[in-house]
Amino acid sequence: MNPEKHNLNTEELLALLRDPSLKPSSIAEEIECAGAAPCSHEALEKAREILGHIGNDAISLEAKSAAGSIGALPELLAGALLRAAADAGKQEVVREVALGTNKPLAKEAKRELQRLKQKGVAVAAIAPQGAPLVTAPTKEEAPPCYASSIDAYGERAVWYARAGRTGVDLAQVVISDLKGIIAADAIPLSRKSYREFLKKLPRGSVVTCAEVAPEHARALIAEAEAHGARAGFSTPSGYTRALSMMGPVPASFPDPVADLDFGPDGALPHQLAAGALFTDPLFMAWVPEEDALRAYATKAEEIAASHLYADEAQRAQAAAEHTRASAEAYFNDARKSRYARRLREMAHLLASENRIDAARSALATALALEGASGTAQAFCEALFSHSPGALDRANSESASRGEGPRAAP
């Protein structure tokens, strides 16, 4: 059925199967020499048996049973038997295969019926199967919504989409858990254009995106608007138009990480391993606010240069105590709540990419920050201990773009 893959045509294969002097091993060897996929001796014996029934007018074939037997054979043998059945006038067998669920074989059977038509043989029409091709109009499937990962400044993009008059109404909103709505736009697109748009969304590396439920996307935007209003930030001009494309704010929506299982040992091992999150490109740029980070870095440099410590062990202990104290002072109730929300959202994105270990660490730490159970110490301390390098990288990138140093959130 795929002649371009080998040089054994259907008639030659049928001649081999019909030759009583050839053993299955000899036929199998001829098939392989022709570059076709190997066939087992059992399959060749079965194909010969069916071929004998097809060519024997004294045998009355039950079409459905014969079609099932043909469909169970390798594709090469099944195609040859369809040719034999068509030439032998056993159209009912070919039609059964054409109506079957094996799509490649059904397509081959239809080609055989068409070949008979072109030879002037009367061929019964194939009755439509299953649901009619033309059905009553149904409501179009809702287009998917997406959200990006969260950057070091608590910012991310949310794409809220719903079916519009001519395709998809898209609200593209950049949100911040500190400043509210950063930017917004309303974009009407055709469904094809929206599909192309989604293909261009970033995946992996320092930014990634994941599909979110429409209620989730809408709630993220509404929550950001509320944060911005409480902090005294106004919404951008494009937000009013974007609002017109979005539905009402849901009262609630399912927790997207409710089914994330921590395993038999619970959340604690994942909380203790949460410092490793900062080796992930999605978290590498996360740093504390600038004043806290500068104070931490200054003290860390003093410890590194001081001659007051008897040995490196004492110096390392002092550095660890400094990191612990900095993290404890930094993570007040407001920051615990903010980072817990960020980590929950990141857990959802990581889980959507099947990065389950990282997702578990993010969610486990969020639970600890919320006061549910366990400890967030590993994450909080690592936020500081990895930060000088992260800030140096960020400032280096800013300098290369001609910008000044950028403050952390």
Protein backbone atom coordinates (compact mmCIF):
# COMPACT_ATOMS: atom_id res chain seq x y z
CA MET A 1 0.00 0.00 0.00
CA ASN A 2 3.08 2.18 0.16
CA PRO A 3 4.86 1.29 -3.08
CA GLU A 4 7.29 4.17 -2.67
CA LYS A 5 8.84 2.32 0.28
CA HIS A 6 9.63 -0.93 -1.55
CA ASN A 7 9.75 -2.39 -5.06
CA LEU A 8 7.26 -5.23 -4.59
CA ASN A 9 3.96 -4.48 -6.32
CA THR A 10 0.60 -5.98 -5.39
CA GLU A 11 0.42 -8.38 -8.34
CA GLU A 12 3.89 -9.75 -7.60
CA LEU A 13 2.97 -10.30 -3.95
CA LEU A 14 -0.23 -12.11 -4.91
CA ALA A 15 1.76 -14.33 -7.30
CA LEU A 16 4.10 -15.26 -4.45
CA LEU A 17 1.18 -16.08 -2.14
CA ARG A 18 -0.51 -18.19 -4.83
CA ASP A 19 2.59 -20.20 -5.70
CA PRO A 20 2.18 -23.56 -3.85
CA SER A 21 5.86 -24.41 -4.36
CA LEU A 22 6.98 -21.51 -2.13
CA LYS A 23 7.27 -21.93 1.62
CA PRO A 24 6.38 -19.02 3.93
CA SER A 25 10.08 -18.56 4.69
CA SER A 26 10.82 -18.10 0.99
CA ILE A 27 8.00 -15.57 0.59
CA ALA A 28 9.18 -13.71 3.70
CA GLU A 29 12.68 -13.56 2.24
CA GLU A 30 11.39 -12.18 -1.08
CA ILE A 31 9.39 -9.53 0.78
CA GLU A 32 12.41 -8.39 2.80
CA CYS A 33 14.68 -8.38 -0.25
CA ALA A 34 12.20 -6.03 -1.92
CA GLY A 35 12.61 -3.58 0.96
CA ALA A 36 9.16 -4.11 2.46
CA ALA A 37 8.37 -4.56 6.15
CA PRO A 38 8.94 -8.16 7.30
CA CYS A 39 5.92 -10.47 7.61
CA SER A 40 5.77 -13.37 10.05
CA HIS A 41 5.26 -16.93 8.80
CA GLU A 42 1.94 -17.06 10.70
CA ALA A 43 0.69 -13.92 8.92
CA LEU A 44 1.71 -15.36 5.54
CA GLU A 45 -0.09 -18.65 6.26
CA LYS A 46 -3.22 -16.75 7.29
CA ALA A 47 -3.04 -14.56 4.18
CA ARG A 48 -2.80 -17.69 1.98
CA GLU A 49 -5.79 -19.20 3.76
CA ILE A 50 -7.94 -16.09 3.20
CA LEU A 51 -6.72 -15.82 -0.39
CA GLY A 52 -7.82 -19.41 -0.99
CA HIS A 53 -11.30 -18.62 0.29
CA ILE A 54 -11.50 -15.47 -1.83
CA GLY A 55 -10.59 -17.37 -4.99
CA ASN A 56 -12.95 -20.28 -4.33
CA ASP A 57 -16.41 -19.55 -5.72
CA ALA A 58 -17.75 -22.57 -3.88
CA ILE A 59 -17.04 -20.91 -0.54
CA SER A 60 -19.53 -18.32 0.70
CA LEU A 61 -17.62 -15.65 2.55
CA GLU A 62 -19.23 -13.78 5.46
CA ALA A 63 -18.18 -10.22 4.59
CA LYS A 64 -17.75 -8.83 8.12
CA SER A 65 -15.73 -11.82 9.30
CA ALA A 66 -13.51 -11.79 6.21
CA ALA A 67 -12.97 -8.03 6.54
CA GLY A 68 -11.94 -8.51 10.16
CA SER A 69 -9.45 -11.22 9.20
CA ILE A 70 -7.95 -9.02 6.49
CA GLY A 71 -7.72 -6.06 8.88
CA ALA A 72 -5.73 -8.15 11.36
CA LEU A 73 -2.96 -8.78 8.81
CA PRO A 74 0.09 -6.58 8.19
CA GLU A 75 -0.67 -3.65 5.91
CA LEU A 76 1.22 -5.10 2.93
CA LEU A 77 -0.67 -8.40 2.99
CA ALA A 78 -4.03 -6.74 3.71
CA GLY A 79 -3.66 -4.49 0.65
CA ALA A 80 -2.89 -7.49 -1.58
CA LEU A 81 -5.96 -9.37 -0.32
CA LEU A 82 -8.16 -6.35 -0.98
CA ARG A 83 -6.97 -6.40 -4.58
CA ALA A 84 -7.71 -10.13 -4.81
CA ALA A 85 -11.19 -9.67 -3.31
CA ALA A 86 -11.99 -6.82 -5.70
CA ASP A 87 -10.84 -8.78 -8.76
CA ALA A 88 -12.74 -11.87 -7.58
CA GLY A 89 -16.00 -9.91 -7.39
CA LYS A 90 -16.15 -10.05 -3.57
CA GLN A 91 -17.13 -6.39 -3.32
CA GLU A 92 -19.00 -6.92 -0.06
CA VAL A 93 -15.70 -7.79 1.65
CA VAL A 94 -13.98 -4.70 0.24
CA ARG A 95 -16.91 -2.50 1.29
CA GLU A 96 -16.76 -3.82 4.85
CA VAL A 97 -13.08 -2.89 5.05
CA ALA A 98 -13.84 0.54 3.55
CA LEU A 99 -16.35 1.14 6.33
CA GLY A 100 -13.99 -0.06 9.07
CA THR A 101 -12.06 1.90 11.68
CA ASN A 102 -8.61 1.14 10.24
CA LYS A 103 -8.26 4.39 8.30
CA PRO A 104 -5.25 3.53 6.09
CA LEU A 105 -6.81 0.19 5.14
CA ALA A 106 -10.25 1.77 4.62
CA LYS A 107 -8.65 4.27 2.27
CA GLU A 108 -7.01 1.44 0.32
CA ALA A 109 -10.34 -0.39 0.08
CA LYS A 110 -12.01 2.70 -1.34
CA ARG A 111 -9.22 2.99 -3.90
CA GLU A 112 -9.91 -0.61 -4.97
CA LEU A 113 -13.61 0.14 -5.40
CA GLN A 114 -12.77 3.23 -7.42
CA ARG A 115 -10.42 1.15 -9.59
CA LEU A 116 -13.30 -1.22 -10.35
CA LYS A 117 -15.50 1.71 -11.31
CA GLN A 118 -12.88 2.98 -13.72
CA LYS A 119 -12.81 -0.48 -15.33
CA GLY A 120 -16.55 -0.24 -15.91
CA VAL A 121 -17.59 -2.59 -13.12
CA ALA A 122 -20.82 -1.67 -11.34
CA VAL A 123 -19.97 -0.81 -7.73
CA ALA A 124 -22.59 -0.38 -5.03
CA ALA A 125 -22.41 2.95 -3.26
CA ILE A 126 -21.10 3.00 0.29
CA ALA A 127 -23.86 4.10 2.62
CA PRO A 128 -23.01 6.97 4.98
CA GLN A 129 -21.94 5.73 8.41
CA GLY A 130 -22.20 7.29 11.86
CA ALA A 131 -23.31 10.87 12.31
CA PRO A 132 -24.34 12.83 9.21
CA LEU A 133 -21.71 15.04 7.70
CA VAL A 134 -24.07 18.01 7.79
CA THR A 135 -25.43 18.58 11.26
CA ALA A 136 -27.35 21.31 12.92
CA PRO A 137 -25.17 24.27 13.86
CA THR A 138 -23.68 23.91 17.32
CA LYS A 139 -22.11 26.40 19.65
CA GLU A 140 -18.46 26.89 18.72
CA GLU A 141 -15.90 25.55 21.15
CA ALA A 142 -14.58 28.23 23.46
CA PRO A 143 -11.05 29.36 22.52
CA PRO A 144 -8.37 28.58 25.14
CA CYS A 145 -6.99 31.19 27.54
CA TYR A 146 -3.33 31.41 28.53
CA ALA A 147 -1.07 32.96 31.15
CA SER A 148 2.69 33.42 31.20
CA SER A 149 5.13 32.65 33.97
CA ILE A 150 5.77 35.31 36.61
CA ASP A 151 8.94 37.36 36.34
CA ALA A 152 11.17 38.78 39.08
CA TYR A 153 8.90 41.83 39.43
CA GLY A 154 5.65 39.94 39.94
CA GLU A 155 4.54 40.65 36.38
CA ARG A 156 3.02 38.30 33.82
CA ALA A 157 0.81 38.36 30.73
CA VAL A 158 -2.71 36.94 30.62
CA TRP A 159 -4.60 36.24 27.41
CA TYR A 160 -8.35 36.04 28.01
CA ALA A 161 -10.19 34.79 24.92
CA ARG A 162 -13.81 34.09 24.12
CA ALA A 163 -15.82 33.43 21.00
CA GLY A 164 -16.64 36.63 19.14
CA ARG A 165 -18.85 37.57 16.22
CA THR A 166 -16.20 36.91 13.61
CA GLY A 167 -13.84 34.61 15.50
CA VAL A 168 -12.09 35.30 18.80
CA ASP A 169 -12.26 38.35 21.03
CA LEU A 170 -8.88 38.53 22.77
CA ALA A 171 -8.04 40.65 25.80
CA GLN A 172 -4.27 40.82 26.20
CA VAL A 173 -3.38 42.10 29.66
CA VAL A 174 -0.05 42.51 31.46
CA ILE A 175 -0.61 42.35 35.21
CA SER A 176 1.46 42.93 38.35
CA ASP A 177 0.76 41.82 41.89
CA LEU A 178 2.19 45.17 43.02
CA LYS A 179 1.06 47.74 40.43
CA GLY A 180 -2.11 46.13 39.07
CA ILE A 181 -2.80 46.44 35.33
CA ILE A 182 0.41 47.41 33.52
CA ALA A 183 -0.86 47.26 29.93
CA ALA A 184 -3.99 46.08 28.16
CA ASP A 185 -5.28 45.71 24.65
CA ALA A 186 -8.37 44.31 22.94
CA ILE A 187 -7.75 42.40 19.72
CA PRO A 188 -10.47 40.82 17.56
CA LEU A 189 -9.01 37.88 15.62
CA SER A 190 -10.19 35.14 13.31
CA ARG A 191 -9.92 31.67 14.80
CA LYS A 192 -7.13 30.86 12.39
CA SER A 193 -5.21 33.99 13.38
CA TYR A 194 -5.68 33.12 17.05
CA ARG A 195 -4.30 29.64 16.50
CA GLU A 196 -1.28 31.17 14.78
CA PHE A 197 -0.93 33.65 17.64
CA LEU A 198 -0.88 30.84 20.21
CA LYS A 199 1.88 29.04 18.31
CA LYS A 200 4.12 32.08 18.88
CA LEU A 201 3.68 32.21 22.65
CA PRO A 202 6.95 31.53 24.50
CA ARG A 203 7.50 28.00 25.75
CA GLY A 204 10.24 27.06 28.22
CA SER A 205 13.53 28.83 29.04
CA VAL A 206 13.17 32.09 31.02
CA VAL A 207 9.51 32.57 30.06
CA THR A 208 6.85 29.99 29.48
CA CYS A 209 3.08 29.91 29.05
CA ALA A 210 0.31 27.52 30.00
CA GLU A 211 -3.35 27.18 29.25
CA VAL A 212 -5.61 28.28 32.08
CA ALA A 213 -9.36 28.02 32.55
CA PRO A 214 -11.29 31.14 31.42
CA GLU A 215 -12.48 31.67 35.01
CA HIS A 216 -8.88 31.49 36.20
CA ALA A 217 -7.66 34.01 33.62
CA ARG A 218 -10.52 36.39 34.41
CA ALA A 219 -9.87 36.12 38.15
CA LEU A 220 -6.15 36.85 37.70
CA ILE A 221 -6.95 40.07 35.84
CA ALA A 222 -9.58 41.14 38.37
CA GLU A 223 -7.25 40.42 41.29
CA ALA A 224 -4.48 42.49 39.70
CA GLU A 225 -6.88 45.38 39.14
CA ALA A 226 -7.84 45.26 42.83
CA HIS A 227 -4.18 45.20 43.93
CA GLY A 228 -3.42 48.20 41.76
CA ALA A 229 -6.40 50.17 43.03
CA ARG A 230 -5.40 49.56 46.67
CA ALA A 231 -1.85 50.69 45.88
CA GLY A 232 -3.10 53.86 44.15
CA PHE A 233 -2.29 52.86 40.55
CA SER A 234 -4.72 53.69 37.75
CA THR A 235 -5.47 51.36 34.84
CA PRO A 236 -4.11 52.10 31.33
CA SER A 237 -6.40 53.49 28.65
CA GLY A 238 -6.67 50.20 26.77
CA TYR A 239 -8.08 48.39 29.79
CA THR A 240 -11.62 49.75 29.31
CA ARG A 241 -11.82 48.21 25.84
CA ALA A 242 -10.29 44.97 27.09
CA LEU A 243 -12.93 44.82 29.83
CA SER A 244 -15.65 44.92 27.18
CA MET A 245 -14.27 41.69 25.73
CA MET A 246 -14.23 39.84 29.05
CA GLY A 247 -17.05 38.20 30.94
CA PRO A 248 -17.98 38.85 34.56
CA VAL A 249 -15.56 38.04 37.36
CA PRO A 250 -16.29 34.52 38.63
CA ALA A 251 -17.20 34.05 42.27
CA SER A 252 -14.76 31.12 42.40
CA PHE A 253 -12.92 28.67 40.19
CA PRO A 254 -11.35 25.23 40.72
CA ASP A 255 -7.86 25.21 42.22
CA PRO A 256 -5.62 24.26 39.24
CA VAL A 257 -3.12 22.47 41.50
CA ALA A 258 -5.62 20.72 43.77
CA ASP A 259 -4.71 17.34 42.28
CA LEU A 260 -0.95 17.77 42.57
CA ASP A 261 0.17 14.90 44.80
CA PHE A 262 3.25 15.25 47.03
CA GLY A 263 3.85 11.51 47.23
CA PRO A 264 4.02 9.21 50.24
CA ASP A 265 6.38 11.46 52.25
CA GLY A 266 4.17 14.52 52.00
CA ALA A 267 5.11 18.14 51.37
CA LEU A 268 8.11 18.48 53.70
CA PRO A 269 10.80 16.91 51.43
CA HIS A 270 9.70 19.21 48.62
CA GLN A 271 9.83 22.24 50.93
CA LEU A 272 13.37 21.35 51.98
CA ALA A 273 14.39 21.01 48.33
CA ALA A 274 12.80 24.33 47.27
CA GLY A 275 16.14 26.15 47.13
CA ALA A 276 16.85 24.24 43.92
CA LEU A 277 14.07 26.21 42.22
CA PHE A 278 16.54 29.06 41.74
CA THR A 279 18.64 26.92 39.41
CA ASP A 280 15.64 26.87 37.06
CA PRO A 281 15.63 29.59 34.35
CA LEU A 282 12.08 30.55 35.36
CA PHE A 283 13.25 31.47 38.88
CA MET A 284 16.84 32.59 38.36
CA ALA A 285 15.91 36.28 38.13
CA TRP A 286 13.73 36.27 41.26
CA VAL A 287 15.38 38.54 43.86
CA PRO A 288 14.26 40.53 46.94
CA GLU A 289 13.47 44.23 46.81
CA GLU A 290 16.45 46.44 46.12
CA ASP A 291 16.95 47.93 49.60
CA ALA A 292 16.84 44.49 51.24
CA LEU A 293 19.12 43.01 48.59
CA ARG A 294 21.70 45.83 48.79
CA ALA A 295 21.81 45.55 52.57
CA TYR A 296 22.19 41.79 52.35
CA ALA A 297 24.94 41.99 49.72
CA THR A 298 26.89 44.64 51.67
CA LYS A 299 26.88 42.59 54.85
CA ALA A 300 27.77 39.41 52.92
CA GLU A 301 30.77 41.19 51.42
CA GLU A 302 31.86 42.36 54.86
CA ILE A 303 31.70 38.79 56.18
CA ALA A 304 33.69 37.52 53.20
CA ALA A 305 36.44 40.11 53.70
CA SER A 306 36.55 40.16 57.51
CA HIS A 307 39.57 38.89 59.46
CA LEU A 308 37.51 38.33 62.60
CA TYR A 309 36.80 34.68 61.80
CA ALA A 310 39.26 31.99 62.84
CA ASP A 311 38.65 29.80 59.81
CA GLU A 312 36.39 29.28 56.81
CA ALA A 313 33.96 27.21 58.86
CA GLN A 314 33.26 30.19 61.13
CA ARG A 315 32.98 32.47 58.11
CA ALA A 316 30.51 30.09 56.44
CA GLN A 317 28.46 29.88 59.65
CA ALA A 318 28.34 33.67 59.89
CA ALA A 319 27.25 33.91 56.25
CA ALA A 320 24.51 31.31 56.82
CA GLU A 321 23.25 33.13 59.93
CA HIS A 322 23.23 36.41 58.00
CA THR A 323 21.19 34.82 55.20
CA ARG A 324 18.74 33.32 57.69
CA ALA A 325 18.29 36.62 59.53
CA SER A 326 17.83 38.55 56.27
CA ALA A 327 15.14 36.14 55.08
CA GLU A 328 13.29 36.23 58.40
CA ALA A 329 13.28 40.04 58.42
CA TYR A 330 12.21 40.28 54.80
CA PHE A 331 9.31 37.86 54.76
CA ASN A 332 6.62 39.76 56.62
CA ASP A 333 2.97 38.73 56.31
CA ALA A 334 2.39 40.76 53.14
CA ARG A 335 5.39 39.26 51.35
CA LYS A 336 4.53 35.75 52.51
CA SER A 337 1.07 36.16 50.99
CA ARG A 338 2.46 37.63 47.76
CA TYR A 339 5.08 34.93 47.25
CA ALA A 340 2.59 32.20 48.13
CA ARG A 341 0.32 33.40 45.31
CA ARG A 342 3.24 33.57 42.90
CA LEU A 343 4.43 30.08 43.79
CA ARG A 344 0.93 28.59 43.42
CA GLU A 345 0.69 30.04 39.94
CA MET A 346 4.17 28.83 39.04
CA ALA A 347 3.30 25.35 40.34
CA HIS A 348 0.43 25.26 37.86
CA LEU A 349 2.68 26.25 34.95
CA LEU A 350 5.37 23.76 35.94
CA ALA A 351 2.82 20.97 36.27
CA SER A 352 1.41 21.82 32.84
CA GLU A 353 4.92 21.17 31.43
CA ASN A 354 5.08 17.89 33.38
CA ARG A 355 7.89 19.23 35.57
CA ILE A 356 6.34 17.63 38.60
CA ASP A 357 9.22 17.83 41.10
CA ALA A 358 9.61 21.58 40.62
CA ALA A 359 5.82 22.02 40.73
CA ARG A 360 5.69 20.13 44.03
CA SER A 361 8.44 22.29 45.54
CA ALA A 362 6.65 25.47 44.47
CA LEU A 363 3.29 24.38 45.84
CA ALA A 364 4.72 22.93 49.05
CA THR A 365 6.51 26.22 49.74
CA ALA A 366 3.34 28.18 49.00
CA LEU A 367 1.49 26.11 51.60
CA ALA A 368 4.20 26.79 54.16
CA LEU A 369 4.11 30.54 53.44
CA GLU A 370 0.35 30.44 53.89
CA GLY A 371 0.87 28.88 57.29
CA ALA A 372 -0.68 25.57 56.37
CA SER A 373 2.22 23.33 57.42
CA GLY A 374 5.94 22.72 57.08
CA THR A 375 8.71 25.23 56.42
CA ALA A 376 9.52 27.74 53.70
CA GLN A 377 13.02 28.39 55.08
CA ALA A 378 14.88 26.75 52.20
CA PHE A 379 13.10 28.89 49.60
CA CYS A 380 13.28 32.13 51.60
CA GLU A 381 16.99 31.81 52.32
CA ALA A 382 17.80 30.77 48.75
CA LEU A 383 16.01 33.87 47.48
CA PHE A 384 18.78 35.86 49.17
CA SER A 385 21.75 33.53 48.81
CA HIS A 386 21.39 33.28 45.02
CA SER A 387 20.45 36.95 44.56
CA PRO A 388 23.79 38.77 44.23
CA GLY A 389 24.62 36.72 41.14
CA ALA A 390 21.10 37.11 39.76
CA LEU A 391 21.20 40.89 40.24
CA ASP A 392 24.64 41.12 38.63
CA ARG A 393 23.29 39.24 35.61
CA ALA A 394 20.23 41.49 35.39
CA ASN A 395 22.31 44.67 35.66
CA SER A 396 24.74 43.35 33.06
CA GLU A 397 21.85 42.70 30.68
CA SER A 398 20.45 46.18 31.38
CA ALA A 399 23.85 47.76 30.70
CA SER A 400 24.13 45.93 27.39
CA ARG A 401 20.79 47.48 26.41
CA GLY A 402 21.88 50.94 27.53
CA GLU A 403 19.63 50.93 30.63
CA GLY A 404 20.49 51.68 34.22
CA PRO A 405 20.39 49.10 37.01
CA ARG A 406 16.88 47.82 37.59
CA ALA A 407 15.40 47.58 41.07
CA ALA A 408 14.01 44.32 42.30
CA PRO A 409 10.36 44.08 43.38
